[in-house]
Structures are given as structure tokens and as C-alpha cells.
């Protein structure tokens, strides 16, 4: 008889090890980048971008409407 674990036991062990590695990697990355923006912060960021875009467009209009 063979004293090594069966193929099924090795397969299950490999899947468990892979699952553990994935969980640890996701946890480490999440901890490194921190929590994401909530809906209020996303809305504020979008409004700020829109305001900046409007300011750029206004500035371009002023530059193009000068003496020419």
C-alpha cells in the first residue's frame, strides 16, 4: 500500500490552498488601497469635474471672442 495521500485529498488540499491565497491577496489589496468612495463623494467629484469643464469652456470662449 502507498503511504502518500490519495489524488482526491491532494486535489482538495490544492483547492483549499488556492482559495486561501486568493482570500489573503484580496484582503491585502483592499487594506492597501482602503475603502472606495461612497455615493456622496462620487457625486461631489463629478460636480467638481463638471464645474472645471465649464470654466475651461468659458475661458476658451473668451479667448476666441477677443479682437481678431
Protein backbone atom coordinates (compact mmCIF):
# COMPACT_ATOMS: atom_id res chain seq x y z
CA UNK A 1 0.00 0.00 0.00
CA UNK A 2 1.03 3.53 -0.69
CA UNK A 3 1.57 5.90 2.23
CA UNK A 4 1.08 9.05 0.12
CA UNK A 5 -2.29 10.84 0.24
CA UNK A 6 -4.77 9.97 -2.43
CA UNK A 7 -5.26 12.05 -5.54
CA UNK A 8 -8.62 13.32 -4.22
CA UNK A 9 -7.07 14.51 -0.96
CA UNK A 10 -4.28 16.28 -2.85
CA UNK A 11 -6.81 17.93 -5.16
CA UNK A 12 -8.96 19.14 -2.28
CA UNK A 13 -5.88 20.38 -0.44
CA UNK A 14 -4.73 22.27 -3.52
CA UNK A 15 -8.12 23.92 -3.97
CA UNK A 16 -8.20 24.95 -0.31
CA UNK A 17 -4.68 26.38 -0.55
CA UNK A 18 -5.58 28.31 -3.73
CA UNK A 19 -8.75 29.65 -2.10
CA UNK A 20 -6.80 30.76 0.96
CA UNK A 21 -4.21 32.51 -1.21
CA UNK A 22 -6.93 34.35 -3.12
CA UNK A 23 -8.68 35.46 0.09
CA UNK A 24 -5.41 36.71 1.56
CA UNK A 25 -4.47 38.55 -1.64
CA UNK A 26 -7.85 40.27 -1.85
CA UNK A 27 -7.66 41.24 1.82
CA UNK A 28 -4.14 42.63 1.43
CA UNK A 29 -5.01 44.69 -1.65
CA UNK A 30 -8.20 46.00 -0.07
CA UNK A 31 -6.29 47.01 3.06
CA UNK A 32 -3.61 48.73 0.96
CA UNK A 33 -5.97 50.85 -1.15
CA UNK A 34 -8.53 51.50 1.57
CA UNK A 35 -12.26 51.87 1.23
CA UNK A 36 -13.70 53.19 -2.00
CA UNK A 37 -15.62 56.41 -2.42
CA UNK A 38 -19.21 56.46 -1.29
CA UNK A 39 -22.02 57.83 -3.46
CA UNK A 40 -21.81 61.32 -1.94
CA UNK A 41 -18.08 61.59 -2.64
CA UNK A 42 -18.58 60.31 -6.18
CA UNK A 43 -21.31 62.90 -6.80
CA UNK A 44 -19.14 65.71 -5.40
CA UNK A 45 -16.22 64.64 -7.57
CA UNK A 46 -18.47 64.56 -10.66
CA UNK A 47 -19.83 68.05 -9.89
CA UNK A 48 -16.30 69.39 -9.45
CA UNK A 49 -15.26 67.93 -12.80
CA UNK A 50 -18.30 69.48 -14.47
CA UNK A 51 -17.53 72.88 -12.95
CA UNK A 52 -13.93 72.69 -14.15
CA UNK A 53 -15.09 71.72 -17.64
CA UNK A 54 -17.49 74.69 -17.73
CA UNK A 55 -14.71 77.02 -16.61
CA UNK A 56 -12.43 75.73 -19.38
CA UNK A 57 -15.17 76.19 -21.96
CA UNK A 58 -15.90 79.74 -20.72
CA UNK A 59 -12.21 80.57 -20.87
CA UNK A 60 -11.93 79.24 -24.41
CA UNK A 61 -14.98 81.26 -25.45
CA UNK A 62 -13.43 84.42 -24.00
CA UNK A 63 -10.13 83.72 -25.77
CA UNK A 64 -11.86 83.10 -29.10
CA UNK A 65 -14.15 86.14 -28.89
CA UNK A 66 -11.31 88.62 -28.45
CA UNK A 67 -10.19 91.13 -31.09
CA UNK A 68 -9.49 89.45 -34.32
